[in-house]
C-alpha atoms as a PDB file:
ATOM      1  CA  MET A   1      28.114 -18.679   3.227  1.00  0.00           C
ATOM      2  CA  ASP A   2      26.871 -19.372   6.890  1.00  0.00           C
ATOM      3  CA  VAL A   3      24.208 -18.154   9.234  1.00  0.00           C
ATOM      4  CA  ARG A   4      26.874 -15.862  10.991  1.00  0.00           C
ATOM      5  CA  GLN A   5      27.470 -14.035   7.760  1.00  0.00           C
ATOM      6  CA  LEU A   6      23.938 -13.512   7.143  1.00  0.00           C
ATOM      7  CA  THR A   7      23.243 -12.254  10.579  1.00  0.00           C
ATOM      8  CA  TYR A   8      26.076  -9.884  10.245  1.00  0.00           C
ATOM      9  CA  PHE A   9      24.730  -8.747   6.897  1.00  0.00           C
ATOM     10  CA  LEU A  10      21.197  -8.029   8.262  1.00  0.00           C
ATOM     11  CA  ALA A  11      22.700  -6.093  11.169  1.00  0.00           C
ATOM     12  CA  VAL A  12      24.463  -3.682   8.605  1.00  0.00           C
ATOM     13  CA  VAL A  13      21.100  -3.532   6.536  1.00  0.00           C
ATOM     14  CA  GLU A  14      19.437  -2.448   9.620  1.00  0.00           C
ATOM     15  CA  THR A  15      21.820   0.254  10.590  1.00  0.00           C
ATOM     16  CA  MET A  16      23.292   1.055   7.257  1.00  0.00           C
ATOM     17  CA  ASN A  17      26.311   1.780   9.066  1.00  0.00           C
ATOM     18  CA  PHE A  18      29.362  -0.595   9.864  1.00  0.00           C
ATOM     19  CA  GLY A  19      30.223   0.919  13.078  1.00  0.00           C
ATOM     20  CA  ARG A  20      26.661   0.870  14.640  1.00  0.00           C
ATOM     21  CA  ALA A  21      26.161  -2.693  13.304  1.00  0.00           C
ATOM     22  CA  ALA A  22      29.468  -3.751  14.882  1.00  0.00           C
ATOM     23  CA  GLU A  23      28.431  -2.226  18.363  1.00  0.00           C
ATOM     24  CA  GLN A  24      25.050  -3.939  17.997  1.00  0.00           C
ATOM     25  CA  LEU A  25      26.675  -7.351  17.184  1.00  0.00           C
ATOM     26  CA  TYR A  26      29.340  -6.863  20.066  1.00  0.00           C
ATOM     27  CA  ILE A  27      32.221  -7.355  17.611  1.00  0.00           C
ATOM     28  CA  ALA A  28      35.010  -5.039  16.284  1.00  0.00           C
ATOM     29  CA  GLN A  29      34.372  -3.411  13.143  1.00  0.00           C
ATOM     30  CA  PRO A  30      37.190  -4.801  11.149  1.00  0.00           C
ATOM     31  CA  SER A  31      35.912  -8.323  11.924  1.00  0.00           C
ATOM     32  CA  LEU A  32      32.478  -7.281  10.663  1.00  0.00           C
ATOM     33  CA  SER A  33      34.031  -5.687   7.438  1.00  0.00           C
ATOM     34  CA  GLN A  34      36.036  -8.861   6.942  1.00  0.00           C
ATOM     35  CA  ALA A  35      33.063 -10.980   7.350  1.00  0.00           C
ATOM     36  CA  ILE A  36      30.951  -8.956   4.889  1.00  0.00           C
ATOM     37  CA  GLY A  37      33.921  -8.945   2.311  1.00  0.00           C
ATOM     38  CA  THR A  38      34.081 -12.745   2.580  1.00  0.00           C
ATOM     39  CA  LEU A  39      30.355 -13.103   1.990  1.00  0.00           C
ATOM     40  CA  GLU A  40      30.710 -10.726  -1.085  1.00  0.00           C
ATOM     41  CA  ARG A  41      33.589 -12.822  -2.529  1.00  0.00           C
ATOM     42  CA  GLU A  42      31.578 -16.006  -2.082  1.00  0.00           C
ATOM     43  CA  LEU A  43      28.586 -14.732  -3.712  1.00  0.00           C
ATOM     44  CA  GLY A  44      30.605 -13.045  -6.520  1.00  0.00           C
ATOM     45  CA  VAL A  45      28.718  -9.537  -6.271  1.00  0.00           C
ATOM     46  CA  PRO A  46      28.912  -6.623  -4.034  1.00  0.00           C
ATOM     47  CA  LEU A  47      26.145  -6.271  -1.419  1.00  0.00           C
ATOM     48  CA  PHE A  48      26.932  -2.740  -0.610  1.00  0.00           C
ATOM     49  CA  HIS A  49      28.266   0.291  -2.419  1.00  0.00           C
ATOM     50  CA  ARG A  50      30.585   2.551  -0.669  1.00  0.00           C
ATOM     51  CA  VAL A  51      29.554   6.205  -1.233  1.00  0.00           C
ATOM     52  CA  GLY A  52      31.775   8.696   0.450  1.00  0.00           C
ATOM     53  CA  ARG A  53      31.681   7.809   4.144  1.00  0.00           C
ATOM     54  CA  GLY A  54      28.301   5.896   3.772  1.00  0.00           C
ATOM     55  CA  ILE A  55      26.949   2.851   2.289  1.00  0.00           C
ATOM     56  CA  VAL A  56      23.892   1.870   0.068  1.00  0.00           C
ATOM     57  CA  LEU A  57      22.578  -1.474  -0.884  1.00  0.00           C
ATOM     58  CA  SER A  58      23.406  -2.934  -4.132  1.00  0.00           C
ATOM     59  CA  ASP A  59      20.558  -4.605  -6.262  1.00  0.00           C
ATOM     60  CA  ALA A  60      22.144  -7.999  -5.051  1.00  0.00           C
ATOM     61  CA  GLY A  61      22.143  -6.941  -1.521  1.00  0.00           C
ATOM     62  CA  ALA A  62      18.378  -5.907  -1.624  1.00  0.00           C
ATOM     63  CA  GLN A  63      17.585  -9.270  -3.205  1.00  0.00           C
ATOM     64  CA  LEU A  64      19.441 -11.058  -0.127  1.00  0.00           C
ATOM     65  CA  ILE A  65      17.437  -9.471   2.603  1.00  0.00           C
ATOM     66  CA  GLU A  66      14.373 -11.671   2.549  1.00  0.00           C
ATOM     67  CA  PRO A  67      16.016 -15.113   2.096  1.00  0.00           C
ATOM     68  CA  ALA A  68      18.410 -14.151   4.619  1.00  0.00           C
ATOM     69  CA  ARG A  69      15.842 -13.180   7.265  1.00  0.00           C
ATOM     70  CA  GLN A  70      13.962 -16.487   6.544  1.00  0.00           C
ATOM     71  CA  VAL A  71      17.339 -18.581   7.045  1.00  0.00           C
ATOM     72  CA  VAL A  72      18.101 -16.810  10.321  1.00  0.00           C
ATOM     73  CA  ARG A  73      14.454 -17.144  11.547  1.00  0.00           C
ATOM     74  CA  ASP A  74      14.363 -20.762  10.604  1.00  0.00           C
ATOM     75  CA  LEU A  75      17.647 -21.478  12.594  1.00  0.00           C
ATOM     76  CA  GLU A  76      16.098 -19.629  15.513  1.00  0.00           C
ATOM     77  CA  ALA A  77      13.089 -21.740  15.362  1.00  0.00           C
ATOM     78  CA  ALA A  78      15.208 -24.822  15.408  1.00  0.00           C
ATOM     79  CA  ARG A  79      17.043 -23.634  18.122  1.00  0.00           C
ATOM     80  CA  ALA A  80      13.904 -22.604  20.069  1.00  0.00           C
ATOM     81  CA  ALA A  81      12.419 -25.800  19.709  1.00  0.00           C
ATOM     82  CA  ALA A  82      15.382 -27.656  20.816  1.00  0.00           C
ATOM     83  CA  ARG A  83      15.560 -25.504  24.086  1.00  0.00           C
ATOM     84  CA  SER A  84      12.001 -25.935  24.932  1.00  0.00           C
ATOM     85  CA  VAL A  85       9.805 -28.799  24.028  1.00  0.00           C
ATOM     86  CA  HIS A  86       6.776 -28.430  26.298  1.00  0.00           C
ATOM     87  CA  GLU A  87       6.908 -24.626  27.140  1.00  0.00           C
ATOM     88  CA  LEU A  88       8.540 -21.431  25.996  1.00  0.00           C
ATOM     89  CA  GLN A  89      11.435 -20.473  28.148  1.00  0.00           C
ATOM     90  CA  ARG A  90      12.311 -17.492  26.103  1.00  0.00           C
ATOM     91  CA  GLY A  91      11.999 -15.833  22.714  1.00  0.00           C
ATOM     92  CA  ARG A  92      10.488 -13.092  20.717  1.00  0.00           C
ATOM     93  CA  VAL A  93       7.266 -12.587  18.666  1.00  0.00           C
ATOM     94  CA  GLU A  94       7.511 -10.275  15.785  1.00  0.00           C
ATOM     95  CA  LEU A  95       4.402  -8.838  14.469  1.00  0.00           C
ATOM     96  CA  ILE A  96       3.064  -5.697  12.682  1.00  0.00           C
ATOM     97  CA  ALA A  97      -0.304  -4.075  13.177  1.00  0.00           C
ATOM     98  CA  MET A  98      -2.531  -1.393  11.907  1.00  0.00           C
ATOM     99  CA  PRO A  99      -3.581   1.502  14.340  1.00  0.00           C
ATOM    100  CA  SER A 100      -6.988   0.409  15.103  1.00  0.00           C
ATOM    101  CA  PRO A 101      -6.295  -3.447  15.598  1.00  0.00           C
ATOM    102  CA  GLY A 102      -3.134  -2.285  17.396  1.00  0.00           C
ATOM    103  CA  VAL A 103      -5.712  -0.862  20.118  1.00  0.00           C
ATOM    104  CA  GLU A 104      -7.783  -4.078  20.075  1.00  0.00           C
ATOM    105  CA  PRO A 105      -7.665  -6.817  19.780  1.00  0.00           C
ATOM    106  CA  LEU A 106      -3.922  -6.521  20.011  1.00  0.00           C
ATOM    107  CA  SER A 107      -3.848  -5.222  23.619  1.00  0.00           C
ATOM    108  CA  THR A 108      -6.109  -8.300  24.753  1.00  0.00           C
ATOM    109  CA  LEU A 109      -3.887 -10.680  22.652  1.00  0.00           C
ATOM    110  CA  ILE A 110      -0.650  -9.323  24.245  1.00  0.00           C
ATOM    111  CA  ARG A 111      -2.100  -9.465  27.576  1.00  0.00           C
ATOM    112  CA  ASP A 112      -3.221 -13.131  27.233  1.00  0.00           C
ATOM    113  CA  PHE A 113       0.082 -14.257  25.696  1.00  0.00           C
ATOM    114  CA  THR A 114       2.357 -12.500  28.096  1.00  0.00           C
ATOM    115  CA  ALA A 115       0.415 -13.972  30.975  1.00  0.00           C
ATOM    116  CA  ALA A 116       0.774 -17.400  29.562  1.00  0.00           C
ATOM    117  CA  HIS A 117       4.375 -16.905  28.574  1.00  0.00           C
ATOM    118  CA  PRO A 118       5.927 -14.437  30.954  1.00  0.00           C
ATOM    119  CA  ALA A 119       9.447 -14.876  29.702  1.00  0.00           C
ATOM    120  CA  MET A 120       8.527 -13.925  26.180  1.00  0.00           C
ATOM    121  CA  THR A 121       8.887 -10.542  24.387  1.00  0.00           C
ATOM    122  CA  VAL A 122       6.441  -9.058  21.822  1.00  0.00           C
ATOM    123  CA  THR A 123       7.677  -6.527  19.318  1.00  0.00           C
ATOM    124  CA  ALA A 124       4.962  -4.740  17.335  1.00  0.00           C
ATOM    125  CA  ASP A 125       5.813  -2.621  14.259  1.00  0.00           C
ATOM    126  CA  ALA A 126       3.293  -0.081  12.739  1.00  0.00           C
ATOM    127  CA  ALA A 127       1.654  -0.168   9.246  1.00  0.00           C
ATOM    128  CA  PHE A 128      -1.246   1.987   7.966  1.00  0.00           C
ATOM    129  CA  THR A 129      -2.730  -0.123   5.306  1.00  0.00           C
ATOM    130  CA  PRO A 130      -3.557  -3.981   4.869  1.00  0.00           C
ATOM    131  CA  GLU A 131      -1.063  -4.035   1.725  1.00  0.00           C
ATOM    132  CA  GLU A 132       1.677  -2.764   4.104  1.00  0.00           C
ATOM    133  CA  VAL A 133       0.988  -5.415   6.654  1.00  0.00           C
ATOM    134  CA  VAL A 134       0.831  -8.349   3.949  1.00  0.00           C
ATOM    135  CA  HIS A 135       4.049  -7.136   2.377  1.00  0.00           C
ATOM    136  CA  ALA A 136       5.930  -7.084   5.708  1.00  0.00           C
ATOM    137  CA  VAL A 137       4.870 -10.735   6.450  1.00  0.00           C
ATOM    138  CA  LYS A 138       5.693 -11.982   3.071  1.00  0.00           C
ATOM    139  CA  ALA A 139       9.124 -10.208   3.083  1.00  0.00           C
ATOM    140  CA  GLY A 140       9.883 -11.675   6.367  1.00  0.00           C
ATOM    141  CA  ARG A 141      10.020  -8.351   8.194  1.00  0.00           C
ATOM    142  CA  SER A 142       7.354  -9.704  10.512  1.00  0.00           C
ATOM    143  CA  GLU A 143       6.247 -13.205  11.227  1.00  0.00           C
ATOM    144  CA  LEU A 144       2.654 -12.064  12.095  1.00  0.00           C
ATOM    145  CA  GLY A 145       0.543  -9.331  10.887  1.00  0.00           C
ATOM    146  CA  LEU A 146      -2.744  -7.790  12.214  1.00  0.00           C
ATOM    147  CA  LEU A 147      -4.818  -5.891   9.876  1.00  0.00           C
ATOM    148  CA  GLY A 148      -8.203  -4.529   9.359  1.00  0.00           C
ATOM    149  CA  ALA A 149     -10.141  -4.096   6.064  1.00  0.00           C
ATOM    150  CA  ALA A 150     -13.701  -3.783   4.690  1.00  0.00           C
ATOM    151  CA  SER A 151     -13.398  -6.832   2.641  1.00  0.00           C
ATOM    152  CA  PRO A 152     -10.852  -9.732   2.230  1.00  0.00           C
ATOM    153  CA  PRO A 153      -7.374  -8.198   1.456  1.00  0.00           C
ATOM    154  CA  HIS A 154      -5.261  -9.918  -1.291  1.00  0.00           C
ATOM    155  CA  THR A 155      -2.870 -11.901   0.850  1.00  0.00           C
ATOM    156  CA  GLY A 156      -0.857 -13.559  -1.728  1.00  0.00           C
ATOM    157  CA  GLY A 157      -1.105 -17.104  -0.153  1.00  0.00           C
ATOM    158  CA  LEU A 158      -0.716 -15.978   3.376  1.00  0.00           C
ATOM    159  CA  ARG A 159      -2.665 -17.882   6.051  1.00  0.00           C
ATOM    160  CA  VAL A 160      -5.468 -15.723   7.486  1.00  0.00           C
ATOM    161  CA  LEU A 161      -7.251 -16.103  10.783  1.00  0.00           C
ATOM    162  CA  PRO A 162     -10.294 -13.906  11.182  1.00  0.00           C
ATOM    163  CA  ILE A 163     -10.395 -12.394  14.555  1.00  0.00           C
ATOM    164  CA  GLU A 164     -13.486 -10.014  14.904  1.00  0.00           C
ATOM    165  CA  ASP A 165     -15.509  -7.404  13.236  1.00  0.00           C
ATOM    166  CA  GLN A 166     -15.426  -3.831  14.510  1.00  0.00           C
ATOM    167  CA  PRO A 167     -18.305  -1.443  13.637  1.00  0.00           C
ATOM    168  CA  LEU A 168     -17.485   2.116  12.855  1.00  0.00           C
ATOM    169  CA  VAL A 169     -18.563   4.654  15.507  1.00  0.00           C
ATOM    170  CA  LEU A 170     -18.742   8.321  15.772  1.00  0.00           C
ATOM    171  CA  LEU A 171     -16.601   9.924  18.536  1.00  0.00           C
ATOM    172  CA  SER A 172     -17.928  13.375  19.883  1.00  0.00           C
ATOM    173  CA  PRO A 173     -16.223  15.856  22.319  1.00  0.00           C
ATOM    174  CA  PRO A 174     -17.395  15.819  25.703  1.00  0.00           C
ATOM    175  CA  GLU A 175     -18.775  19.295  25.902  1.00  0.00           C
ATOM    176  CA  ASP A 176     -19.851  19.790  22.270  1.00  0.00           C
ATOM    177  CA  ASP A 177     -23.231  19.139  20.587  1.00  0.00           C
ATOM    178  CA  ALA A 178     -23.252  15.780  18.971  1.00  0.00           C
ATOM    179  CA  PRO A 179     -25.279  14.961  15.945  1.00  0.00           C
ATOM    180  CA  GLN A 180     -28.765  13.860  17.351  1.00  0.00           C
ATOM    181  CA  ALA A 181     -28.890  10.214  18.603  1.00  0.00           C
ATOM    182  CA  ARG A 182     -31.821   8.047  18.098  1.00  0.00           C
ATOM    183  CA  GLU A 183     -31.961   5.953  21.212  1.00  0.00           C
ATOM    184  CA  ASP A 184     -30.992   5.767  24.852  1.00  0.00           C
ATOM    185  CA  PRO A 185     -27.297   5.425  25.957  1.00  0.00           C
ATOM    186  CA  GLY A 186     -25.948   1.972  26.254  1.00  0.00           C
ATOM    187  CA  SER A 187     -22.707   0.144  25.493  1.00  0.00           C
ATOM    188  CA  VAL A 188     -20.951   0.240  22.062  1.00  0.00           C
ATOM    189  CA  ASP A 189     -21.654  -3.514  21.753  1.00  0.00           C
ATOM    190  CA  ASP A 190     -25.251  -3.345  22.832  1.00  0.00           C
ATOM    191  CA  PRO A 191     -28.099  -2.388  20.312  1.00  0.00           C
ATOM    192  CA  ALA A 192     -29.292   0.135  22.685  1.00  0.00           C
ATOM    193  CA  THR A 193     -26.126   2.334  22.190  1.00  0.00           C
ATOM    194  CA  PRO A 194     -27.075   5.657  20.794  1.00  0.00           C
ATOM    195  CA  ALA A 195     -27.043   5.688  16.992  1.00  0.00           C
ATOM    196  CA  VAL A 196     -26.904   8.243  14.273  1.00  0.00           C
ATOM    197  CA  ALA A 197     -27.639   8.172  10.688  1.00  0.00           C
ATOM    198  CA  ARG A 198     -25.019   9.376   8.291  1.00  0.00           C
ATOM    199  CA  GLU A 199     -27.194  12.351   7.175  1.00  0.00           C
ATOM    200  CA  ALA A 200     -27.115  13.478  10.821  1.00  0.00           C
ATOM    201  CA  LEU A 201     -23.633  14.465  10.328  1.00  0.00           C
ATOM    202  CA  ALA A 202     -24.888  17.634   8.480  1.00  0.00           C
ATOM    203  CA  GLY A 203     -23.083  20.612  10.104  1.00  0.00           C
ATOM    204  CA  ALA A 204     -20.555  18.566  11.987  1.00  0.00           C
ATOM    205  CA  ARG A 205     -16.942  19.415  11.978  1.00  0.00           C
ATOM    206  CA  LEU A 206     -14.877  16.291  11.263  1.00  0.00           C
ATOM    207  CA  ILE A 207     -11.413  14.994  12.015  1.00  0.00           C
ATOM    208  CA  VAL A 208     -10.305  12.552   9.496  1.00  0.00           C
ATOM    209  CA  SER A 209      -7.090  10.269   8.636  1.00  0.00           C
ATOM    210  CA  ARG A 210      -5.537  10.183   5.396  1.00  0.00           C
ATOM    211  CA  ARG A 211      -7.332   8.693   2.205  1.00  0.00           C
ATOM    212  CA  GLY A 212      -7.406   5.024   1.834  1.00  0.00           C
ATOM    213  CA  SER A 213      -8.771   4.035   5.245  1.00  0.00           C
ATOM    214  CA  LEU A 214     -12.253   2.664   5.659  1.00  0.00           C
ATOM    215  CA  MET A 215     -13.113   5.473   8.125  1.00  0.00           C
ATOM    216  CA  ARG A 216     -12.102   8.131   5.784  1.00  0.00           C
ATOM    217  CA  GLY A 217     -14.045   6.283   2.910  1.00  0.00           C
ATOM    218  CA  LEU A 218     -17.169   6.599   5.072  1.00  0.00           C
ATOM    219  CA  VAL A 219     -16.707  10.369   5.638  1.00  0.00           C
ATOM    220  CA  ASP A 220     -15.963  10.889   1.885  1.00  0.00           C
ATOM    221  CA  ASP A 221     -19.064   8.925   0.903  1.00  0.00           C
ATOM    222  CA  VAL A 222     -21.100  11.153   3.323  1.00  0.00           C
ATOM    223  CA  LEU A 223     -19.671  14.342   1.819  1.00  0.00           C
ATOM    224  CA  ALA A 224     -20.279  13.005  -1.657  1.00  0.00           C
ATOM    225  CA  SER A 225     -23.993  12.374  -0.924  1.00  0.00           C
ATOM    226  CA  GLY A 226     -24.574  16.097  -0.271  1.00  0.00           C
ATOM    227  CA  VAL A 227     -24.420  16.193   3.591  1.00  0.00           C
ATOM    228  CA  ASP A 228     -22.778  19.479   4.537  1.00  0.00           C
ATOM    229  CA  ALA A 229     -20.238  18.488   7.004  1.00  0.00           C
ATOM    230  CA  GLN A 230     -16.878  20.151   7.111  1.00  0.00           C
ATOM    231  CA  VAL A 231     -13.565  18.298   7.356  1.00  0.00           C
ATOM    232  CA  VAL A 232     -11.423  20.593   9.718  1.00  0.00           C
ATOM    233  CA  VAL A 233      -8.384  18.376  10.350  1.00  0.00           C
ATOM    234  CA  GLU A 234      -6.659  15.743   8.284  1.00  0.00           C
ATOM    235  CA  VAL A 235      -4.041  13.839  10.197  1.00  0.00           C
ATOM    236  CA  GLU A 236      -1.402  11.432   9.250  1.00  0.00           C
ATOM    237  CA  HIS A 237      -1.229   9.466  12.507  1.00  0.00           C
ATOM    238  CA  ARG A 238      -4.534   7.963  13.675  1.00  0.00           C
ATOM    239  CA  THR A 239      -3.460   8.142  17.319  1.00  0.00           C
ATOM    240  CA  SER A 240      -3.751  11.882  17.179  1.00  0.00           C
ATOM    241  CA  ILE A 241      -7.484  11.719  16.397  1.00  0.00           C
ATOM    242  CA  LEU A 242      -8.857  10.897  19.986  1.00  0.00           C
ATOM    243  CA  PRO A 243      -6.855  13.804  21.638  1.00  0.00           C
ATOM    244  CA  LEU A 244      -8.135  16.143  18.929  1.00  0.00           C
ATOM    245  CA  VAL A 245     -11.856  15.072  19.739  1.00  0.00           C
ATOM    246  CA  LEU A 246     -11.267  15.389  23.505  1.00  0.00           C
ATOM    247  CA  ALA A 247      -9.919  18.979  22.831  1.00  0.00           C
ATOM    248  CA  GLY A 248     -13.144  19.794  21.142  1.00  0.00           C
ATOM    249  CA  VAL A 249     -11.703  20.233  17.622  1.00  0.00           C
ATOM    250  CA  GLY A 250     -14.481  18.065  16.103  1.00  0.00           C
ATOM    251  CA  HIS A 251     -16.112  14.738  15.701  1.00  0.00           C
ATOM    252  CA  ALA A 252     -14.303  11.573  14.241  1.00  0.00           C
ATOM    253  CA  VAL A 253     -15.171   8.289  12.745  1.00  0.00           C
ATOM    254  CA  LEU A 254     -13.188   5.394  14.079  1.00  0.00           C
ATOM    255  CA  PRO A 255     -13.618   1.525  14.664  1.00  0.00           C
ATOM    256  CA  SER A 256     -15.225   0.432  17.859  1.00  0.00           C
ATOM    257  CA  SER A 257     -11.878  -0.708  19.163  1.00  0.00           C
ATOM    258  CA  TRP A 258     -11.296   3.040  20.180  1.00  0.00           C
ATOM    259  CA  ALA A 259     -14.690   3.252  22.044  1.00  0.00           C
ATOM    260  CA  PRO A 260     -13.761   2.098  25.638  1.00  0.00           C
ATOM    261  CA  LEU A 261     -10.628   4.254  25.727  1.00  0.00           C
ATOM    262  CA  ALA A 262     -12.814   7.134  24.304  1.00  0.00           C
ATOM    263  CA  GLN A 263     -15.602   6.558  26.870  1.00  0.00           C
ATOM    264  CA  ARG A 264     -13.109   6.388  29.811  1.00  0.00           C
ATOM    265  CA  SER A 265     -11.574   9.752  28.707  1.00  0.00           C
ATOM    266  CA  GLY A 266     -14.905  11.464  28.515  1.00  0.00           C
ATOM    267  CA  ALA A 267     -15.850  11.355  24.754  1.00  0.00           C
ATOM    268  CA  ARG A 268     -19.276  10.391  23.492  1.00  0.00           C
ATOM    269  CA  VAL A 269     -19.695   7.356  21.319  1.00  0.00           C
ATOM    270  CA  ARG A 270     -22.556   6.790  18.892  1.00  0.00           C
ATOM    271  CA  ARG A 271     -23.105   3.880  16.510  1.00  0.00           C
ATOM    272  CA  ILE A 272     -23.353   4.764  12.879  1.00  0.00           C
ATOM    273  CA  GLU A 273     -26.266   3.472  10.828  1.00  0.00           C
ATOM    274  CA  PRO A 274     -26.183   1.712   8.419  1.00  0.00           C
ATOM    275  CA  ALA A 275     -23.468  -0.309  10.015  1.00  0.00           C
ATOM    276  CA  VAL A 276     -19.940  -0.460   8.301  1.00  0.00           C
ATOM    277  CA  LEU A 277     -17.633  -3.080   9.671  1.00  0.00           C
ATOM    278  CA  LEU A 278     -13.845  -3.267   9.801  1.00  0.00           C
ATOM    279  CA  ARG A 279     -12.880  -6.932   9.675  1.00  0.00           C
ATOM    280  CA  ILE A 280      -9.960  -7.785  11.742  1.00  0.00           C
ATOM    281  CA  ALA A 281      -7.598 -10.682  10.865  1.00  0.00           C
ATOM    282  CA  LEU A 282      -4.249 -12.209  11.782  1.00  0.00           C
ATOM    283  CA  VAL A 283      -2.101 -13.177   8.734  1.00  0.00           C
ATOM    284  CA  PHE A 284       1.074 -15.394   8.701  1.00  0.00           C
ATOM    285  CA  ARG A 285       3.223 -17.566   6.412  1.00  0.00           C
ATOM    286  CA  THR A 286       1.995 -20.977   5.515  1.00  0.00           C
ATOM    287  CA  GLY A 287       5.430 -22.353   6.266  1.00  0.00           C
ATOM    288  CA  THR A 288       7.126 -23.048   9.663  1.00  0.00           C
ATOM    289  CA  LEU A 289       6.675 -20.467  12.285  1.00  0.00           C
ATOM    290  CA  THR A 290       8.933 -20.005  15.296  1.00  0.00           C
ATOM    291  CA  PRO A 291       7.542 -21.676  18.447  1.00  0.00           C
ATOM    292  CA  ALA A 292       6.982 -17.969  19.836  1.00  0.00           C
ATOM    293  CA  ALA A 293       4.854 -17.166  16.723  1.00  0.00           C
ATOM    294  CA  GLN A 294       2.949 -20.568  16.970  1.00  0.00           C
ATOM    295  CA  ALA A 295       2.150 -19.875  20.678  1.00  0.00           C
ATOM    296  CA  PHE A 296       0.789 -16.299  19.649  1.00  0.00           C
ATOM    297  CA  VAL A 297      -1.373 -17.901  16.947  1.00  0.00           C
ATOM    298  CA  ARG A 298      -2.843 -20.399  19.424  1.00  0.00           C
ATOM    299  CA  CYS A 299      -3.650 -17.378  21.710  1.00  0.00           C
ATOM    300  CA  ALA A 300      -5.382 -15.773  19.027  1.00  0.00           C
ATOM    301  CA  GLU A 301      -7.206 -18.955  18.074  1.00  0.00           C
ATOM    302  CA  ARG A 302      -8.352 -19.117  21.649  1.00  0.00           C
ATOM    303  CA  HIS A 303      -9.500 -15.539  21.787  1.00  0.00           C
ATOM    304  CA  VAL A 304     -11.669 -16.160  18.749  1.00  0.00           C
ATOM    305  CA  SER A 305     -13.101 -19.341  20.383  1.00  0.00           C
ATOM    306  CA  ASP A 306     -13.959 -17.378  23.543  1.00  0.00           C
ATOM    307  CA  GLN A 307     -15.448 -14.490  21.511  1.00  0.00           C
ATOM    308  CA  GLU A 308     -17.715 -17.044  19.660  1.00  0.00           C
ATOM    309  CA  THR A 309     -18.769 -18.798  22.745  1.00  0.00           C
ATOM    310  CA  ALA A 310     -19.644 -15.608  24.515  1.00  0.00           C
ATOM    311  CA  ALA A 311     -21.658 -14.538  21.380  1.00  0.00           C
ATOM    312  CA  GLY A 312     -23.621 -17.748  21.162  1.00  0.00           C
ATOM    313  CA  PRO A 313     -24.082 -20.017  18.006  1.00  0.00           C
ATOM    314  CA  VAL A 314     -23.150 -18.225  14.748  1.00  0.00           C
ATOM    315  CA  ALA A 315     -24.325 -19.539  11.394  1.00  0.00           C
ATOM    316  CA  LEU A 316     -21.672 -20.550   8.981  1.00  0.00           C
ATOM    317  CA  ASN A 317     -22.679 -18.017   6.433  1.00  0.00           C
ATOM    318  CA  ASP A 318     -22.597 -15.383   9.138  1.00  0.00           C
ATOM    319  CA  ARG A 319     -18.701 -15.922   9.659  1.00  0.00           C
ATOM    320  CA  PRO A 320     -16.587 -13.228   7.650  1.00  0.00           C
ATOM    321  CA  GLY A 321     -14.940 -14.877   4.778  1.00  0.00           C
ATOM    322  CA  LEU A 322     -11.478 -13.532   5.022  1.00  0.00           C
END
């Protein structure tokens, strides 16, 4: 068994089609089939079952995916380190992010990272829950994961870098009557930003995401408390929420990462009191990372340091304990 065979195996897993995998690898299909057959004979087990004209993974094949990915990634890390000792000449950062952290701080992190390493490529997969992010990183599908949770997620031994806390805010349509604000307008990060109490949502038409998110949890708590608000839309994709708000369908609770885009688009933003925080963190394996992933982590660490410097001294017991 060698790395070439594992690379071929992973290409077939990704496409679940020998023809498409061969095209992706720029080799002839018979050569790919022969390589997989040799690997199966060496292991003594089938990796795929041929069903009609298609294929499905065997149990042994499913078990091989994670170690194969790690072997290929470790070899790429060694090659990349040999190619570039002092600076990254080429490479790829593989990460997975939830929707709100995928707006911010991911946009800022990618901006800073690509500015420092213009020859690098960043690929960002999507996940909807912290558990999905953790599983993807542990399984080797992504090296880095950006997640948001109300409390420290169970990371199963992954390293965790707290990035920032995002308070939940209420987004309201430009032309609709928003719940009564308590204060004068200001920025979202400023205490003078208009604020609404949860009970002020009475009578509001609300747009929500699926159950399980922190934002949906706040709405459910408000409704359970007896506040007479109405859920008018429930969407699977959180990226649909802001367009629906701007279209005047209703109000929505989202993390403050959405606020700058919402304000530029014409939506109104209110702080929600008492505050609820979405804690953003970067998670990654405790073992060796590729040079590209290491550079991205350093970029994230600088971002955290810059944020803390801008905010002034922070007491140790005020730092989120992810």
